[in-house]
Amino acid sequence: MTLDKVKELLADHLDIDEETITEDTTFEDLDVDSLDTVEILMEMEDEFGIEIKFDEVGKSVGELVNYIDAKKE
């Protein structure tokens, strides 16, 4: 469920097809710049009701999902 929401938020923000995003997709693969990163993480903080620390997120969508799930517990 978290993965689906993360994919949806990324796809909406980056204007790309949600189906192109997998757990193994890196933020580098998505050409996410620093401004995009800040905006996306702020959206995710609002969506999931948690604080996200940029330096703890990891490099891939799967690592981000694991981070969010751990913070929600």
Protein backbone atom coordinates (compact mmCIF):
# COMPACT_ATOMS: atom_id res chain seq x y z
CA MET A 1 0.00 0.00 0.00
CA THR A 2 2.81 2.43 0.86
CA LEU A 3 4.56 1.54 -2.39
CA ASP A 4 1.45 2.34 -4.43
CA LYS A 5 1.04 5.73 -2.76
CA VAL A 6 4.73 6.59 -3.13
CA LYS A 7 4.60 5.65 -6.82
CA GLU A 8 1.46 7.75 -7.27
CA LEU A 9 3.03 10.81 -5.61
CA LEU A 10 6.25 10.47 -7.59
CA ALA A 11 4.42 9.99 -10.88
CA ASP A 12 2.17 12.99 -10.25
CA HIS A 13 5.03 15.25 -9.21
CA LEU A 14 7.37 14.21 -12.02
CA ASP A 15 4.64 13.88 -14.66
CA ILE A 16 5.62 10.33 -15.57
CA ASP A 17 3.80 7.01 -15.88
CA GLU A 18 3.37 5.32 -12.51
CA GLU A 19 4.01 1.92 -14.13
CA THR A 20 7.62 2.92 -14.92
CA ILE A 21 8.43 3.14 -11.19
CA THR A 22 9.50 0.01 -9.31
CA GLU A 23 11.04 -0.62 -5.90
CA ASP A 24 14.43 -0.82 -7.61
CA THR A 25 14.05 2.55 -9.34
CA THR A 26 16.56 5.05 -7.99
CA PHE A 27 15.95 8.75 -7.64
CA GLU A 28 18.83 9.21 -10.08
CA ASP A 29 16.89 7.08 -12.60
CA LEU A 30 13.99 9.51 -12.18
CA ASP A 31 16.24 12.57 -12.69
CA VAL A 32 15.07 14.01 -9.38
CA ASP A 33 16.95 17.20 -8.53
CA SER A 34 17.33 18.71 -5.08
CA LEU A 35 14.28 20.97 -5.39
CA ASP A 36 12.14 18.05 -6.56
CA THR A 37 13.43 15.99 -3.64
CA VAL A 38 12.43 18.60 -1.07
CA GLU A 39 8.98 19.08 -2.61
CA ILE A 40 8.34 15.34 -2.93
CA LEU A 41 9.45 14.59 0.63
CA MET A 42 7.23 17.40 1.96
CA GLU A 43 4.25 15.91 0.10
CA MET A 44 5.04 12.49 1.55
CA GLU A 45 5.36 13.90 5.06
CA ASP A 46 1.86 15.36 4.70
CA GLU A 47 0.45 12.18 3.16
CA PHE A 48 1.88 9.77 5.73
CA GLY A 49 1.91 12.07 8.78
CA ILE A 50 5.59 11.51 9.55
CA GLU A 51 8.82 13.49 9.48
CA ILE A 52 11.20 12.37 6.76
CA LYS A 53 14.92 13.08 7.08
CA PHE A 54 16.46 13.43 3.64
CA ASP A 55 19.77 11.83 4.61
CA GLU A 56 18.03 8.69 5.94
CA VAL A 57 15.80 7.93 2.95
CA GLY A 58 18.19 5.92 0.81
CA LYS A 59 18.71 5.91 -2.93
CA SER A 60 15.76 3.89 -4.26
CA VAL A 61 11.99 3.89 -4.13
CA GLY A 62 12.06 0.63 -2.19
CA GLU A 63 14.37 2.11 0.45
CA LEU A 64 12.03 5.10 0.78
CA VAL A 65 9.02 2.80 1.19
CA ASN A 66 10.84 0.79 3.89
CA TYR A 67 11.79 4.02 5.66
CA ILE A 68 8.20 5.30 5.63
CA ASP A 69 6.82 1.97 6.86
CA ALA A 70 9.34 1.91 9.72
CA LYS A 71 8.44 5.49 10.74
CA LYS A 72 4.70 4.74 10.67
CA GLU A 73 5.00 1.89 13.19
